[in-house]
Amino acid sequence: MRNLRVMTIVAPVIAILFLTTSLFAQAQQADGIAAAWDVKNKMVAMAADVGRIEDLLRRVRPAEWIAKGAPDAYLRQLESSQTSMQLLIEATEKLAKDPERLSVALDALFRMDNMDLFLQSLQQGVRRYQGPSLADDIVRFMGDNARHRDMLRQHSVELAATREVELKTINTEAQRCRMELARKNEPETQAPPPPPVRRRKAK
């Protein structure tokens, strides 16, 4: 009897969760959320494009700049640029494996912004102490990379909007489920017995 009661309570919850999951999948497709395979292909392309900066960074020679009077901070900027590039590539690989995780998408976006900040500062040193040709190549790379940033930003916004809808739907369904379970668990009320019939005494 107890097991039957537990199943009576659990079954509606499982059904609601199944229905909610199906609705989320349909909502993602209807609202234009990128499919997992599409995001994976874009991450592979992004990683390949980001890897191009490695060849440019190999041509940067901050040690020679320092000999010409440049601050040694450019050495750290070069190292930071190389590190940020590797972290961004790792972030794109994580997003390719788990494209529907908002935290992973935001991490990739932040890594890209961070890399661009280091490259922007580094290219100024390149232009001043090494020459405009390499600096222009770095700027061109940053411009080409902007489309990947726009894609990451759009994907993050879409994921955030989807998660907000999911939370609202879960809260609504949970509230409805609680009310339904409370109604089923209420004890059945019996109608009060009719008042006794008083017989009139015969005169």
N, C-alpha and C. Protein backbone atom coordinates (compact mmCIF):
# COMPACT_ATOMS: atom_id res chain seq x y z
N MET A 1 0.83 -1.21 0.00
CA MET A 1 0.00 0.00 0.00
C MET A 1 0.87 1.26 0.00
N ARG A 2 1.94 1.15 0.79
CA ARG A 2 2.85 2.29 0.86
C ARG A 2 3.53 2.52 -0.48
N ASN A 3 3.97 1.41 -1.13
CA ASN A 3 4.62 1.53 -2.44
C ASN A 3 3.67 2.13 -3.47
N LEU A 4 2.42 1.75 -3.39
CA LEU A 4 1.43 2.29 -4.31
C LEU A 4 1.28 3.79 -4.13
N ARG A 5 1.31 4.22 -2.88
CA ARG A 5 1.19 5.66 -2.62
C ARG A 5 2.40 6.42 -3.13
N VAL A 6 3.60 5.81 -2.95
CA VAL A 6 4.83 6.45 -3.44
C VAL A 6 4.79 6.59 -4.96
N MET A 7 4.35 5.52 -5.63
CA MET A 7 4.26 5.57 -7.08
C MET A 7 3.24 6.60 -7.54
N THR A 8 2.19 6.75 -6.77
CA THR A 8 1.18 7.75 -7.12
C THR A 8 1.75 9.15 -7.05
N ILE A 9 2.69 9.36 -6.13
CA ILE A 9 3.31 10.69 -5.98
C ILE A 9 4.40 10.90 -7.01
N VAL A 10 5.21 9.85 -7.24
CA VAL A 10 6.40 10.00 -8.10
C VAL A 10 6.03 10.03 -9.58
N ALA A 11 5.04 9.26 -9.97
CA ALA A 11 4.70 9.14 -11.39
C ALA A 11 4.40 10.48 -12.05
N PRO A 12 3.58 11.35 -11.43
CA PRO A 12 3.34 12.65 -12.06
C PRO A 12 4.60 13.49 -12.20
N VAL A 13 5.49 13.39 -11.22
CA VAL A 13 6.74 14.17 -11.28
C VAL A 13 7.59 13.72 -12.45
N ILE A 14 7.72 12.39 -12.64
CA ILE A 14 8.51 11.87 -13.75
C ILE A 14 7.91 12.30 -15.08
N ALA A 15 6.59 12.23 -15.15
CA ALA A 15 5.92 12.62 -16.39
C ALA A 15 6.15 14.08 -16.72
N ILE A 16 6.09 14.92 -15.69
CA ILE A 16 6.29 16.36 -15.91
C ILE A 16 7.73 16.64 -16.35
N LEU A 17 8.69 15.96 -15.72
CA LEU A 17 10.09 16.16 -16.09
C LEU A 17 10.33 15.72 -17.53
N PHE A 18 9.75 14.60 -17.91
CA PHE A 18 9.90 14.12 -19.29
C PHE A 18 9.30 15.09 -20.28
N LEU A 19 8.10 15.58 -19.95
CA LEU A 19 7.42 16.53 -20.84
C LEU A 19 8.20 17.83 -20.93
N THR A 20 8.72 18.30 -19.79
CA THR A 20 9.48 19.55 -19.76
C THR A 20 10.75 19.44 -20.60
N THR A 21 11.44 18.29 -20.49
CA THR A 21 12.66 18.09 -21.28
C THR A 21 12.36 18.11 -22.76
N SER A 22 11.28 17.48 -23.16
CA SER A 22 10.89 17.47 -24.57
C SER A 22 10.56 18.87 -25.06
N LEU A 23 9.86 19.64 -24.22
CA LEU A 23 9.51 21.00 -24.60
C LEU A 23 10.75 21.86 -24.75
N PHE A 24 11.74 21.66 -23.89
CA PHE A 24 12.98 22.44 -23.96
C PHE A 24 13.70 22.17 -25.28
N ALA A 25 13.77 20.89 -25.65
CA ALA A 25 14.44 20.54 -26.91
C ALA A 25 13.73 21.17 -28.10
N GLN A 26 12.40 21.13 -28.09
CA GLN A 26 11.64 21.75 -29.17
C GLN A 26 11.82 23.26 -29.17
N ALA A 27 11.85 23.86 -27.98
CA ALA A 27 11.98 25.32 -27.89
C ALA A 27 13.34 25.77 -28.41
N GLN A 28 14.38 24.98 -28.13
CA GLN A 28 15.72 25.35 -28.60
C GLN A 28 15.77 25.36 -30.12
N GLN A 29 15.15 24.36 -30.75
CA GLN A 29 15.15 24.32 -32.21
C GLN A 29 14.30 25.44 -32.79
N ALA A 30 13.15 25.71 -32.14
CA ALA A 30 12.25 26.74 -32.66
C ALA A 30 12.83 28.13 -32.50
N ASP A 31 13.56 28.35 -31.40
CA ASP A 31 14.08 29.68 -31.13
C ASP A 31 15.40 29.95 -31.84
N GLY A 32 15.92 28.99 -32.60
CA GLY A 32 17.12 29.23 -33.36
C GLY A 32 18.41 28.93 -32.63
N ILE A 33 18.35 28.16 -31.52
CA ILE A 33 19.57 27.76 -30.84
C ILE A 33 20.37 26.86 -31.77
N ALA A 34 21.65 27.15 -31.91
CA ALA A 34 22.48 26.39 -32.83
C ALA A 34 22.53 24.92 -32.42
N ALA A 35 22.45 24.04 -33.39
CA ALA A 35 22.54 22.61 -33.11
C ALA A 35 23.94 22.26 -32.64
N ALA A 36 24.04 21.16 -31.91
CA ALA A 36 25.34 20.77 -31.33
C ALA A 36 26.38 20.56 -32.41
N TRP A 37 26.01 19.92 -33.52
CA TRP A 37 26.98 19.66 -34.58
C TRP A 37 27.45 20.96 -35.22
N ASP A 38 26.55 21.96 -35.29
CA ASP A 38 26.91 23.25 -35.88
C ASP A 38 27.91 23.98 -35.00
N VAL A 39 27.64 23.97 -33.69
CA VAL A 39 28.56 24.63 -32.75
C VAL A 39 29.92 23.94 -32.78
N LYS A 40 29.92 22.61 -32.85
CA LYS A 40 31.19 21.87 -32.88
C LYS A 40 32.01 22.26 -34.10
N ASN A 41 31.36 22.33 -35.27
CA ASN A 41 32.09 22.72 -36.49
C ASN A 41 32.65 24.13 -36.38
N LYS A 42 31.87 25.03 -35.78
CA LYS A 42 32.34 26.41 -35.62
C LYS A 42 33.51 26.48 -34.65
N MET A 43 33.50 25.66 -33.61
CA MET A 43 34.60 25.67 -32.64
C MET A 43 35.88 25.12 -33.27
N VAL A 44 35.73 24.10 -34.12
CA VAL A 44 36.91 23.56 -34.82
C VAL A 44 37.51 24.63 -35.74
N ALA A 45 36.63 25.36 -36.45
CA ALA A 45 37.12 26.43 -37.34
C ALA A 45 37.75 27.54 -36.53
N MET A 46 37.16 27.87 -35.37
CA MET A 46 37.72 28.94 -34.54
C MET A 46 39.10 28.54 -34.01
N ALA A 47 39.22 27.31 -33.54
CA ALA A 47 40.51 26.86 -33.01
C ALA A 47 41.60 26.94 -34.09
N ALA A 48 41.23 26.58 -35.31
CA ALA A 48 42.20 26.64 -36.41
C ALA A 48 42.60 28.09 -36.69
N ASP A 49 41.61 29.00 -36.67
CA ASP A 49 41.91 30.41 -36.93
C ASP A 49 42.74 31.02 -35.80
N VAL A 50 42.38 30.69 -34.57
CA VAL A 50 43.13 31.23 -33.43
C VAL A 50 44.57 30.74 -33.46
N GLY A 51 44.77 29.51 -33.91
CA GLY A 51 46.13 28.97 -33.99
C GLY A 51 47.04 29.75 -34.92
N ARG A 52 46.45 30.54 -35.82
CA ARG A 52 47.26 31.35 -36.74
C ARG A 52 48.08 32.38 -36.00
N ILE A 53 47.61 32.83 -34.85
CA ILE A 53 48.33 33.89 -34.13
C ILE A 53 49.66 33.36 -33.59
N GLU A 54 49.76 32.02 -33.45
CA GLU A 54 51.00 31.45 -32.92
C GLU A 54 52.17 31.77 -33.83
N ASP A 55 51.96 31.68 -35.14
CA ASP A 55 53.04 32.00 -36.08
C ASP A 55 53.43 33.48 -35.99
N LEU A 56 52.44 34.33 -35.79
CA LEU A 56 52.74 35.76 -35.67
C LEU A 56 53.51 36.04 -34.38
N LEU A 57 53.12 35.38 -33.29
CA LEU A 57 53.79 35.63 -32.02
C LEU A 57 55.24 35.13 -32.04
N ARG A 58 55.52 34.12 -32.84
CA ARG A 58 56.91 33.65 -32.94
C ARG A 58 57.82 34.71 -33.55
N ARG A 59 57.24 35.60 -34.33
CA ARG A 59 58.04 36.64 -34.99
C ARG A 59 58.26 37.86 -34.11
N VAL A 60 57.60 37.89 -32.97
CA VAL A 60 57.75 39.02 -32.04
C VAL A 60 59.02 38.81 -31.21
N ARG A 61 59.87 39.84 -31.14
CA ARG A 61 61.17 39.73 -30.46
C ARG A 61 61.32 40.83 -29.41
N PRO A 62 60.63 40.69 -28.28
CA PRO A 62 60.69 41.74 -27.26
C PRO A 62 62.08 41.89 -26.63
N ALA A 63 62.89 40.83 -26.65
CA ALA A 63 64.25 40.95 -26.09
C ALA A 63 65.05 42.00 -26.86
N GLU A 64 64.87 42.06 -28.17
CA GLU A 64 65.55 43.08 -28.96
C GLU A 64 65.00 44.47 -28.67
N TRP A 65 63.73 44.56 -28.35
CA TRP A 65 63.14 45.87 -28.03
C TRP A 65 63.76 46.42 -26.75
N ILE A 66 63.90 45.50 -25.76
CA ILE A 66 64.44 45.93 -24.47
C ILE A 66 65.85 46.49 -24.64
N ALA A 67 66.59 45.87 -25.56
CA ALA A 67 67.95 46.36 -25.83
C ALA A 67 67.91 47.76 -26.42
N LYS A 68 66.77 48.11 -27.05
CA LYS A 68 66.61 49.44 -27.63
C LYS A 68 65.95 50.43 -26.67
N GLY A 69 65.70 49.96 -25.43
CA GLY A 69 65.12 50.86 -24.44
C GLY A 69 63.67 50.62 -24.12
N ALA A 70 63.06 49.56 -24.69
CA ALA A 70 61.65 49.26 -24.40
C ALA A 70 61.53 48.66 -23.01
N PRO A 71 60.42 48.87 -22.34
CA PRO A 71 60.23 48.28 -21.01
C PRO A 71 60.15 46.76 -21.10
N ASP A 72 60.65 46.10 -20.04
CA ASP A 72 60.65 44.64 -20.07
C ASP A 72 59.25 44.05 -19.88
N ALA A 73 58.26 44.90 -19.64
CA ALA A 73 56.88 44.42 -19.52
C ALA A 73 56.40 43.75 -20.80
N TYR A 74 57.02 44.10 -21.93
CA TYR A 74 56.61 43.48 -23.20
C TYR A 74 56.93 41.98 -23.23
N LEU A 75 57.94 41.56 -22.47
CA LEU A 75 58.21 40.13 -22.38
C LEU A 75 57.02 39.41 -21.74
N ARG A 76 56.50 39.99 -20.66
CA ARG A 76 55.35 39.39 -19.98
C ARG A 76 54.10 39.45 -20.85
N GLN A 77 53.98 40.52 -21.64
CA GLN A 77 52.82 40.62 -22.52
C GLN A 77 52.84 39.54 -23.60
N LEU A 78 54.03 39.25 -24.11
CA LEU A 78 54.15 38.18 -25.11
C LEU A 78 53.78 36.84 -24.48
N GLU A 79 54.29 36.58 -23.29
CA GLU A 79 53.96 35.32 -22.60
C GLU A 79 52.46 35.24 -22.31
N SER A 80 51.87 36.36 -21.89
CA SER A 80 50.44 36.38 -21.60
C SER A 80 49.62 36.15 -22.86
N SER A 81 50.08 36.71 -23.98
CA SER A 81 49.38 36.50 -25.25
C SER A 81 49.41 35.04 -25.66
N GLN A 82 50.56 34.41 -25.49
CA GLN A 82 50.68 32.99 -25.84
C GLN A 82 49.82 32.12 -24.92
N THR A 83 49.80 32.46 -23.63
CA THR A 83 48.99 31.69 -22.68
C THR A 83 47.50 31.86 -22.97
N SER A 84 47.11 33.10 -23.24
CA SER A 84 45.68 33.35 -23.50
C SER A 84 45.23 32.64 -24.77
N MET A 85 46.12 32.52 -25.75
CA MET A 85 45.78 31.80 -26.98
C MET A 85 45.52 30.33 -26.67
N GLN A 86 46.39 29.71 -25.87
CA GLN A 86 46.21 28.31 -25.52
C GLN A 86 44.94 28.09 -24.71
N LEU A 87 44.65 29.00 -23.79
CA LEU A 87 43.43 28.87 -22.97
C LEU A 87 42.18 29.02 -23.83
N LEU A 88 42.24 29.88 -24.83
CA LEU A 88 41.09 30.05 -25.72
C LEU A 88 40.86 28.80 -26.55
N ILE A 89 41.93 28.21 -27.05
CA ILE A 89 41.80 26.97 -27.83
C ILE A 89 41.20 25.87 -26.96
N GLU A 90 41.66 25.77 -25.71
CA GLU A 90 41.11 24.77 -24.79
C GLU A 90 39.62 25.04 -24.54
N ALA A 91 39.25 26.32 -24.42
CA ALA A 91 37.85 26.66 -24.18
C ALA A 91 36.98 26.29 -25.37
N THR A 92 37.50 26.47 -26.60
CA THR A 92 36.72 26.10 -27.78
C THR A 92 36.54 24.58 -27.85
N GLU A 93 37.54 23.83 -27.41
CA GLU A 93 37.42 22.37 -27.40
C GLU A 93 36.36 21.93 -26.39
N LYS A 94 36.31 22.58 -25.24
CA LYS A 94 35.29 22.25 -24.24
C LYS A 94 33.89 22.57 -24.75
N LEU A 95 33.77 23.71 -25.43
CA LEU A 95 32.46 24.10 -25.94
C LEU A 95 32.01 23.18 -27.06
N ALA A 96 32.96 22.68 -27.86
CA ALA A 96 32.61 21.74 -28.92
C ALA A 96 32.05 20.45 -28.33
N LYS A 97 32.56 20.04 -27.16
CA LYS A 97 32.08 18.81 -26.51
C LYS A 97 30.77 19.03 -25.76
N ASP A 98 30.55 20.25 -25.27
CA ASP A 98 29.35 20.52 -24.46
C ASP A 98 28.77 21.87 -24.88
N PRO A 99 28.18 21.95 -26.08
CA PRO A 99 27.77 23.25 -26.63
C PRO A 99 26.59 23.90 -25.95
N GLU A 100 25.87 23.19 -25.08
CA GLU A 100 24.68 23.76 -24.46
C GLU A 100 24.94 24.25 -23.04
N ARG A 101 26.19 24.24 -22.61
CA ARG A 101 26.52 24.75 -21.26
C ARG A 101 26.85 26.24 -21.35
N LEU A 102 26.05 27.04 -20.68
CA LEU A 102 26.24 28.48 -20.72
C LEU A 102 27.58 28.89 -20.14
N SER A 103 27.99 28.26 -19.05
CA SER A 103 29.26 28.63 -18.40
C SER A 103 30.44 28.39 -19.33
N VAL A 104 30.39 27.32 -20.13
CA VAL A 104 31.49 27.02 -21.05
C VAL A 104 31.52 28.03 -22.19
N ALA A 105 30.33 28.41 -22.68
CA ALA A 105 30.28 29.40 -23.76
C ALA A 105 30.80 30.76 -23.28
N LEU A 106 30.41 31.15 -22.07
CA LEU A 106 30.88 32.43 -21.52
C LEU A 106 32.39 32.40 -21.27
N ASP A 107 32.89 31.26 -20.83
CA ASP A 107 34.34 31.14 -20.61
C ASP A 107 35.10 31.35 -21.91
N ALA A 108 34.62 30.75 -23.00
CA ALA A 108 35.27 30.93 -24.30
C ALA A 108 35.22 32.39 -24.73
N LEU A 109 34.08 33.04 -24.50
CA LEU A 109 33.94 34.45 -24.87
C LEU A 109 34.90 35.32 -24.08
N PHE A 110 34.99 35.09 -22.78
CA PHE A 110 35.90 35.88 -21.93
C PHE A 110 37.35 35.63 -22.30
N ARG A 111 37.68 34.38 -22.65
CA ARG A 111 39.06 34.07 -23.06
C ARG A 111 39.43 34.82 -24.33
N MET A 112 38.48 34.92 -25.25
CA MET A 112 38.75 35.64 -26.49
C MET A 112 38.97 37.13 -26.21
N ASP A 113 38.10 37.71 -25.40
CA ASP A 113 38.28 39.13 -25.06
C ASP A 113 39.61 39.37 -24.36
N ASN A 114 40.00 38.45 -23.50
CA ASN A 114 41.26 38.58 -22.78
C ASN A 114 42.44 38.51 -23.73
N MET A 115 42.39 37.59 -24.69
CA MET A 115 43.47 37.47 -25.66
C MET A 115 43.59 38.74 -26.50
N ASP A 116 42.45 39.29 -26.90
CA ASP A 116 42.48 40.51 -27.72
C ASP A 116 43.09 41.68 -26.96
N LEU A 117 42.85 41.75 -25.66
CA LEU A 117 43.44 42.84 -24.86
C LEU A 117 44.97 42.75 -24.87
N PHE A 118 45.49 41.55 -24.69
CA PHE A 118 46.95 41.37 -24.71
C PHE A 118 47.51 41.65 -26.10
N LEU A 119 46.82 41.19 -27.13
CA LEU A 119 47.32 41.41 -28.49
C LEU A 119 47.29 42.88 -28.87
N GLN A 120 46.27 43.59 -28.42
CA GLN A 120 46.17 45.01 -28.73
C GLN A 120 47.36 45.78 -28.15
N SER A 121 47.70 45.45 -26.90
CA SER A 121 48.84 46.12 -26.26
C SER A 121 50.15 45.67 -26.90
N LEU A 122 50.24 44.39 -27.25
CA LEU A 122 51.49 43.88 -27.82
C LEU A 122 51.75 44.46 -29.20
N GLN A 123 50.71 44.60 -30.01
CA GLN A 123 50.92 45.12 -31.36
C GLN A 123 51.40 46.56 -31.36
N GLN A 124 51.05 47.31 -30.31
CA GLN A 124 51.57 48.67 -30.21
C GLN A 124 53.08 48.67 -30.00
N GLY A 125 53.55 47.73 -29.17
CA GLY A 125 55.00 47.60 -29.00
C GLY A 125 55.68 47.13 -30.27
N VAL A 126 55.04 46.21 -30.97
CA VAL A 126 55.59 45.73 -32.24
C VAL A 126 55.72 46.88 -33.23
N ARG A 127 54.68 47.68 -33.32
CA ARG A 127 54.69 48.79 -34.27
C ARG A 127 55.78 49.80 -33.93
N ARG A 128 56.01 50.01 -32.65
CA ARG A 128 56.98 51.03 -32.24
C ARG A 128 58.42 50.54 -32.31
N TYR A 129 58.65 49.27 -31.90
CA TYR A 129 60.02 48.80 -31.74
C TYR A 129 60.46 47.80 -32.81
N GLN A 130 59.51 47.25 -33.59
CA GLN A 130 59.91 46.22 -34.56
C GLN A 130 59.50 46.56 -35.98
N GLY A 131 58.40 47.23 -36.15
CA GLY A 131 57.99 47.61 -37.50
C GLY A 131 56.50 47.45 -37.71
N PRO A 132 55.94 48.20 -38.68
CA PRO A 132 54.49 48.21 -38.90
C PRO A 132 53.96 46.95 -39.58
N SER A 133 54.80 46.24 -40.33
CA SER A 133 54.30 45.10 -41.10
C SER A 133 53.72 44.02 -40.19
N LEU A 134 54.48 43.59 -39.19
CA LEU A 134 54.00 42.55 -38.26
C LEU A 134 52.83 43.08 -37.43
N ALA A 135 52.90 44.34 -37.04
CA ALA A 135 51.80 44.94 -36.27
C ALA A 135 50.51 44.92 -37.07
N ASP A 136 50.60 45.23 -38.36
CA ASP A 136 49.42 45.20 -39.22
C ASP A 136 48.87 43.77 -39.35
N ASP A 137 49.74 42.79 -39.38
CA ASP A 137 49.29 41.40 -39.45
C ASP A 137 48.51 41.02 -38.19
N ILE A 138 48.99 41.47 -37.04
CA ILE A 138 48.29 41.17 -35.78
C ILE A 138 46.93 41.86 -35.75
N VAL A 139 46.89 43.11 -36.18
CA VAL A 139 45.61 43.83 -36.23
C VAL A 139 44.65 43.15 -37.19
N ARG A 140 45.17 42.69 -38.31
CA ARG A 140 44.33 42.01 -39.30
C ARG A 140 43.77 40.71 -38.72
N PHE A 141 44.61 40.01 -37.98
CA PHE A 141 44.14 38.78 -37.33
C PHE A 141 43.01 39.09 -36.35
N MET A 142 43.15 40.14 -35.57
CA MET A 142 42.12 40.51 -34.61
C MET A 142 40.81 40.87 -35.32
N GLY A 143 40.94 41.54 -36.46
CA GLY A 143 39.73 41.88 -37.22
C GLY A 143 39.04 40.64 -37.76
N ASP A 144 39.83 39.70 -38.28
CA ASP A 144 39.24 38.46 -38.80
C ASP A 144 38.60 37.64 -37.68
N ASN A 145 39.16 37.76 -36.48
CA ASN A 145 38.68 36.99 -35.35
C ASN A 145 37.37 37.54 -34.78
N ALA A 146 37.00 38.74 -35.19
CA ALA A 146 35.80 39.39 -34.64
C ALA A 146 34.54 38.59 -34.94
N ARG A 147 34.50 37.90 -36.08
CA ARG A 147 33.29 37.13 -36.42
C ARG A 147 33.10 35.97 -35.44
N HIS A 148 34.21 35.40 -34.97
CA HIS A 148 34.10 34.34 -33.96
C HIS A 148 33.57 34.91 -32.64
N ARG A 149 34.01 36.10 -32.30
CA ARG A 149 33.52 36.73 -31.07
C ARG A 149 32.02 36.99 -31.16
N ASP A 150 31.59 37.48 -32.32
CA ASP A 150 30.15 37.75 -32.50
C ASP A 150 29.35 36.45 -32.39
N MET A 151 29.89 35.38 -32.95
CA MET A 151 29.19 34.10 -32.86
C MET A 151 29.10 33.61 -31.42
N LEU A 152 30.20 33.72 -30.67
CA LEU A 152 30.20 33.31 -29.28
C LEU A 152 29.23 34.14 -28.45
N ARG A 153 29.22 35.44 -28.71
CA ARG A 153 28.32 36.32 -27.97
C ARG A 153 26.87 35.96 -28.26
N GLN A 154 26.53 35.73 -29.53
CA GLN A 154 25.16 35.38 -29.90
C GLN A 154 24.77 34.04 -29.29
N HIS A 155 25.67 33.08 -29.34
CA HIS A 155 25.38 31.77 -28.78
C HIS A 155 25.17 31.87 -27.27
N SER A 156 25.96 32.68 -26.59
CA SER A 156 25.81 32.85 -25.14
C SER A 156 24.48 33.51 -24.80
N VAL A 157 24.10 34.52 -25.58
CA VAL A 157 22.82 35.19 -25.35
C VAL A 157 21.66 34.22 -25.54
N GLU A 158 21.72 33.40 -26.59
CA GLU A 158 20.65 32.44 -26.85
C GLU A 158 20.57 31.40 -25.74
N LEU A 159 21.73 30.93 -25.26
CA LEU A 159 21.72 29.96 -24.17
C LEU A 159 21.14 30.57 -22.90
N ALA A 160 21.52 31.83 -22.61
CA ALA A 160 21.01 32.49 -21.40
C ALA A 160 19.49 32.64 -21.48
N ALA A 161 18.99 33.03 -22.65
CA ALA A 161 17.54 33.19 -22.81
C ALA A 161 16.82 31.85 -22.65
N THR A 162 17.41 30.80 -23.20
CA THR A 162 16.81 29.47 -23.09
C THR A 162 16.79 29.01 -21.65
N ARG A 163 17.88 29.22 -20.91
CA ARG A 163 17.93 28.82 -19.51
C ARG A 163 16.89 29.58 -18.69
N GLU A 164 16.66 30.84 -19.02
CA GLU A 164 15.66 31.62 -18.29
C GLU A 164 14.26 31.04 -18.50
N VAL A 165 13.97 30.67 -19.75
CA VAL A 165 12.68 30.05 -20.05
C VAL A 165 12.55 28.71 -19.33
N GLU A 166 13.64 27.95 -19.31
CA GLU A 166 13.62 26.66 -18.64
C GLU A 166 13.29 26.81 -17.16
N LEU A 167 13.94 27.76 -16.50
CA LEU A 167 13.69 27.97 -15.07
C LEU A 167 12.25 28.36 -14.80
N LYS A 168 11.70 29.23 -15.64
CA LYS A 168 10.31 29.64 -15.46
C LYS A 168 9.37 28.46 -15.66
N THR A 169 9.66 27.64 -16.67
CA THR A 169 8.82 26.49 -16.94
C THR A 169 8.89 25.48 -15.81
N ILE A 170 10.10 25.23 -15.31
CA ILE A 170 10.26 24.29 -14.20
C ILE A 170 9.51 24.78 -12.96
N ASN A 171 9.63 26.07 -12.65
CA ASN A 171 8.94 26.60 -11.48
C ASN A 171 7.43 26.49 -11.63
N THR A 172 6.93 26.77 -12.83
CA THR A 172 5.49 26.68 -13.07
C THR A 172 5.00 25.25 -12.95
N GLU A 173 5.72 24.32 -13.57
CA GLU A 173 5.32 22.91 -13.52
C GLU A 173 5.45 22.35 -12.11
N ALA A 174 6.50 22.76 -11.39
CA ALA A 174 6.67 22.28 -10.01
C ALA A 174 5.54 22.76 -9.12
N GLN A 175 5.15 24.02 -9.30
CA GLN A 175 4.04 24.55 -8.51
C GLN A 175 2.75 23.81 -8.83
N ARG A 176 2.51 23.55 -10.09
CA ARG A 176 1.30 22.83 -10.48
C ARG A 176 1.32 21.41 -9.93
N CYS A 177 2.51 20.79 -9.96
CA CYS A 177 2.65 19.43 -9.44
C CYS A 177 2.39 19.39 -7.94
N ARG A 178 2.92 20.36 -7.20
CA ARG A 178 2.69 20.41 -5.75
C ARG A 178 1.21 20.56 -5.43
N MET A 179 0.54 21.41 -6.17
CA MET A 179 -0.88 21.62 -5.94
C MET A 179 -1.67 20.35 -6.25
N GLU A 180 -1.28 19.65 -7.32
CA GLU A 180 -1.97 18.43 -7.69
C GLU A 180 -1.78 17.35 -6.64
N LEU A 181 -0.52 17.21 -6.16
CA LEU A 181 -0.24 16.21 -5.14
C LEU A 181 -0.95 16.53 -3.83
N ALA A 182 -0.98 17.83 -3.49
CA ALA A 182 -1.68 18.23 -2.26
C ALA A 182 -3.16 17.92 -2.35
N ARG A 183 -3.73 18.13 -3.54
CA ARG A 183 -5.15 17.84 -3.72
C ARG A 183 -5.43 16.35 -3.61
N LYS A 184 -4.52 15.50 -4.16
CA LYS A 184 -4.73 14.06 -4.10
C LYS A 184 -4.56 13.52 -2.69
N ASN A 185 -3.70 14.17 -1.89
CA ASN A 185 -3.43 13.68 -0.54
C ASN A 185 -4.42 14.19 0.49
N GLU A 186 -5.32 15.06 0.10
CA GLU A 186 -6.32 15.55 1.05
C GLU A 186 -7.26 14.42 1.43
N PRO A 187 -7.59 14.28 2.73
CA PRO A 187 -8.54 13.23 3.13
C PRO A 187 -9.92 13.51 2.55
N GLU A 188 -10.56 12.43 2.16
CA GLU A 188 -11.89 12.59 1.61
C GLU A 188 -12.86 13.02 2.71
N THR A 189 -13.59 14.04 2.44
CA THR A 189 -14.56 14.55 3.41
C THR A 189 -15.90 13.89 3.15
N GLN A 190 -16.48 13.37 4.22
CA GLN A 190 -17.78 12.75 4.10
C GLN A 190 -18.88 13.73 4.46
N ALA A 191 -19.97 13.61 3.76
CA ALA A 191 -21.09 14.51 4.05
C ALA A 191 -21.65 14.21 5.43
N PRO A 192 -22.00 15.23 6.18
CA PRO A 192 -22.56 15.00 7.52
C PRO A 192 -23.88 14.25 7.42
N PRO A 193 -24.16 13.42 8.38
CA PRO A 193 -25.42 12.67 8.35
C PRO A 193 -26.61 13.63 8.43
N PRO A 194 -27.71 13.25 7.81
CA PRO A 194 -28.90 14.12 7.87
C PRO A 194 -29.44 14.22 9.28
N PRO A 195 -30.03 15.32 9.62
CA PRO A 195 -30.58 15.46 10.98
C PRO A 195 -31.71 14.46 11.18
N PRO A 196 -31.85 14.00 12.41
CA PRO A 196 -32.94 13.01 12.67
C PRO A 196 -34.31 13.64 12.45
N VAL A 197 -35.20 12.80 11.96
CA VAL A 197 -36.57 13.26 11.70
C VAL A 197 -37.38 13.17 12.99
N ARG A 198 -37.91 14.26 13.36
CA ARG A 198 -38.74 14.28 14.58
C ARG A 198 -40.19 13.98 14.21
N ARG A 199 -40.68 12.96 14.84
CA ARG A 199 -42.06 12.61 14.61
C ARG A 199 -43.00 13.41 15.52
N ARG A 200 -44.03 13.85 14.92
CA ARG A 200 -45.01 14.60 15.71
C ARG A 200 -45.83 13.60 16.54
N LYS A 201 -46.06 14.01 17.76
CA LYS A 201 -46.87 13.18 18.62
C LYS A 201 -48.32 13.25 18.20
N ALA A 202 -48.95 12.08 18.25
CA ALA A 202 -50.37 12.06 17.90
C ALA A 202 -51.21 12.75 18.97
N LYS A 203 -52.13 13.53 18.54
CA LYS A 203 -53.00 14.22 19.50
C LYS A 203 -54.10 13.27 19.97
